Structure formats: C-alpha cells, structure tokens
Amino acid sequence: MMVVNDPETLAQAIAAFEAYETALLANDNATLEAMFMPSPLTIRYGVAEVQHGYEEIRAFRKVQAPFERQLARTVITTYGTDFAVASTLFFRNDFPGEVGRQMQTWVRSDDGWKVAAAHVSMMPETRTS
C-alpha cells in the first residue's frame, strides 16, 4: 500500500520546495537550474511562456529579474517515497489585484529531489480561507 505523507519523505519534499523558493527570490539561477530534472521531458508552463525541456527552462531562467512575493495556502503532498506535488498561491506587489498559482511535480532522482513539471499562472484575486 502506498503511504501518503510519510513524515521523512514529506520533510525532504518540504525542504526541497523551501530551497527552491529561497533560490527563486534570490534569482539564484544556478541553484534553480539544478532543481529541475535535466531532461527533454521536463515541462514548465509559466504565466506568459511555455518551456518544453530542460534547455528551454535554462534559457528562460537566464533572463529573469529578481522579484518578491508572499506565499499562501501552500500544500505539499508526498505519494510513496519518490513523488511529491507542491501547490501554492502567491501574491506579488507588482501584480496588484491578482493571485498567482503554482504547482510543481517533484521526483526523487539519484541527485536528490527535482522538479519534473511546473505550472505558474495568474488570475484576478479572490482570496478564500
């Protein structure tokens, strides 16, 4: 039977997500690149762009500027010991009246936890508790 949210696995997935967020806000591209699965099958759908494959993600990251945001309603769920989904809402002062949504699929690899798929989108803000 698959274990959902095994405490050790969940702690590792949370740590990977938090390290990603720290690198994102620092615009630490080397760390962010290392956190994506280096595969042509890795996908990232952004607010206004699409990257299919690790090389397209790397090219996108190289031209990004730093920004600030606040997270809300973050949920990280692990399935077994090698798979996790991270979902969060975010708010940016440079996008007033909008809420961002981010989902990441994390997979344990030989080199640690990696993002295999990601989706980021924005919509008009409708905060719910």
Protein backbone atom coordinates (compact mmCIF):
# COMPACT_ATOMS: atom_id res chain seq x y z
CA MET A 1 0.00 0.00 0.00
CA MET A 2 1.32 3.46 -0.91
CA VAL A 3 1.98 5.75 2.03
CA VAL A 4 0.77 9.34 1.64
CA ASN A 5 2.81 11.95 3.53
CA ASP A 6 5.37 9.63 5.07
CA PRO A 7 6.92 12.02 7.63
CA GLU A 8 10.53 11.62 6.45
CA THR A 9 9.64 11.92 2.77
CA LEU A 10 7.37 14.90 3.44
CA ALA A 11 10.14 16.67 5.37
CA GLN A 12 12.51 16.15 2.43
CA ALA A 13 9.95 17.44 -0.09
CA ILE A 14 9.21 20.50 2.06
CA ALA A 15 12.93 21.21 2.34
CA ALA A 16 13.32 20.97 -1.46
CA PHE A 17 10.35 23.31 -2.01
CA GLU A 18 11.71 25.82 0.52
CA ALA A 19 15.17 25.72 -1.08
CA TYR A 20 13.54 26.37 -4.46
CA GLU A 21 11.62 29.36 -3.07
CA THR A 22 14.79 30.79 -1.49
CA ALA A 23 16.69 30.43 -4.78
CA LEU A 24 13.78 31.90 -6.74
CA LEU A 25 13.58 35.05 -4.62
CA ALA A 26 17.38 35.42 -4.71
CA ASN A 27 17.31 34.95 -8.51
CA ASP A 28 19.91 32.20 -7.98
CA ASN A 29 19.74 30.71 -11.44
CA ALA A 30 22.45 28.10 -10.92
CA THR A 31 20.53 26.61 -7.99
CA LEU A 32 17.18 26.84 -9.80
CA GLU A 33 18.57 25.11 -12.89
CA ALA A 34 19.94 22.32 -10.70
CA MET A 35 16.50 21.83 -9.16
CA PHE A 36 14.85 20.89 -12.48
CA MET A 37 15.10 17.38 -13.90
CA PRO A 38 17.71 17.65 -16.69
CA SER A 39 15.51 16.02 -19.31
CA PRO A 40 13.82 16.95 -22.58
CA LEU A 41 10.64 15.65 -20.89
CA THR A 42 10.71 18.33 -18.16
CA ILE A 43 7.94 20.89 -18.71
CA ARG A 44 7.30 24.35 -17.27
CA TYR A 45 4.23 26.37 -18.17
CA GLY A 46 4.67 29.95 -16.97
CA VAL A 47 2.43 32.99 -16.76
CA ALA A 48 3.18 34.07 -20.33
CA GLU A 49 5.54 31.42 -21.68
CA VAL A 50 5.99 27.71 -22.30
CA GLN A 51 9.15 25.69 -21.86
CA HIS A 52 9.39 22.14 -23.12
CA GLY A 53 12.60 20.51 -21.99
CA TYR A 54 15.37 21.40 -19.60
CA GLU A 55 17.28 23.55 -22.11
CA GLU A 56 14.27 25.82 -22.69
CA ILE A 57 13.84 26.18 -18.92
CA ARG A 58 17.52 27.12 -18.56
CA ALA A 59 17.22 29.73 -21.32
CA PHE A 60 14.14 31.22 -19.62
CA ARG A 61 15.82 31.39 -16.21
CA LYS A 62 18.87 33.25 -17.61
CA VAL A 63 16.82 36.35 -18.48
CA GLN A 64 14.68 36.58 -15.34
CA ALA A 65 14.86 39.53 -12.96
CA PRO A 66 14.51 39.21 -9.18
CA PHE A 67 11.13 39.83 -7.56
CA GLU A 68 9.38 39.45 -4.22
CA ARG A 69 6.27 37.50 -3.35
CA GLN A 70 4.35 36.11 -0.41
CA LEU A 71 3.07 32.53 -0.38
CA ALA A 72 -0.32 31.41 0.91
CA ARG A 73 -2.14 28.12 1.32
CA THR A 74 0.88 26.00 0.42
CA VAL A 75 0.15 22.28 0.35
CA ILE A 76 2.85 19.66 -0.22
CA THR A 77 1.79 16.05 -0.52
CA THR A 78 4.02 13.03 -1.00
CA TYR A 79 2.97 9.74 -2.55
CA GLY A 80 5.28 6.89 -1.66
CA THR A 81 8.90 7.88 -1.13
CA ASP A 82 9.83 9.31 -4.54
CA PHE A 83 6.99 11.59 -5.67
CA ALA A 84 5.54 14.85 -4.37
CA VAL A 85 3.21 17.62 -5.51
CA ALA A 86 3.64 21.17 -4.22
CA SER A 87 0.79 23.66 -4.67
CA THR A 88 0.78 27.26 -3.52
CA LEU A 89 -0.84 30.60 -4.05
CA PHE A 90 1.34 33.69 -4.21
CA PHE A 91 0.92 37.44 -4.15
CA ARG A 92 3.23 39.99 -5.76
CA ASN A 93 3.07 43.73 -5.17
CA ASP A 94 3.90 44.30 -8.84
CA PHE A 95 0.68 42.43 -9.80
CA PRO A 96 -1.94 44.20 -7.64
CA GLY A 97 -5.37 42.61 -7.60
CA GLU A 98 -4.05 39.28 -8.87
CA VAL A 99 -3.27 35.96 -7.24
CA GLY A 100 -0.64 33.60 -8.59
CA ARG A 101 -0.98 29.84 -8.62
CA GLN A 102 1.97 27.48 -8.74
CA MET A 103 2.10 23.71 -8.91
CA GLN A 104 5.21 21.59 -9.09
CA THR A 105 5.68 17.87 -9.54
CA TRP A 106 8.76 16.75 -7.64
CA VAL A 107 10.52 13.42 -8.23
CA ARG A 108 13.37 11.90 -6.26
CA SER A 109 16.34 11.28 -8.55
CA ASP A 110 19.82 9.93 -7.96
CA ASP A 111 20.82 13.59 -7.39
CA GLY A 112 18.01 14.40 -4.95
CA TRP A 113 14.57 15.95 -5.43
CA LYS A 114 13.96 17.55 -8.86
CA VAL A 115 11.06 19.40 -10.47
CA ALA A 116 9.77 17.31 -13.38
CA ALA A 117 6.81 19.56 -14.24
CA ALA A 118 5.66 23.01 -13.16
CA HIS A 119 2.78 25.36 -13.85
CA VAL A 120 2.54 29.04 -12.89
CA SER A 121 -0.49 31.20 -13.66
CA MET A 122 -2.20 34.38 -12.52
CA MET A 123 -5.86 35.28 -12.12
CA PRO A 124 -7.91 38.08 -10.59
CA GLU A 125 -7.58 37.92 -6.81
CA THR A 126 -10.35 36.13 -4.97
CA ARG A 127 -8.95 35.21 -1.57
CA THR A 128 -10.75 32.42 0.21
CA SER A 129 -9.87 30.86 3.52
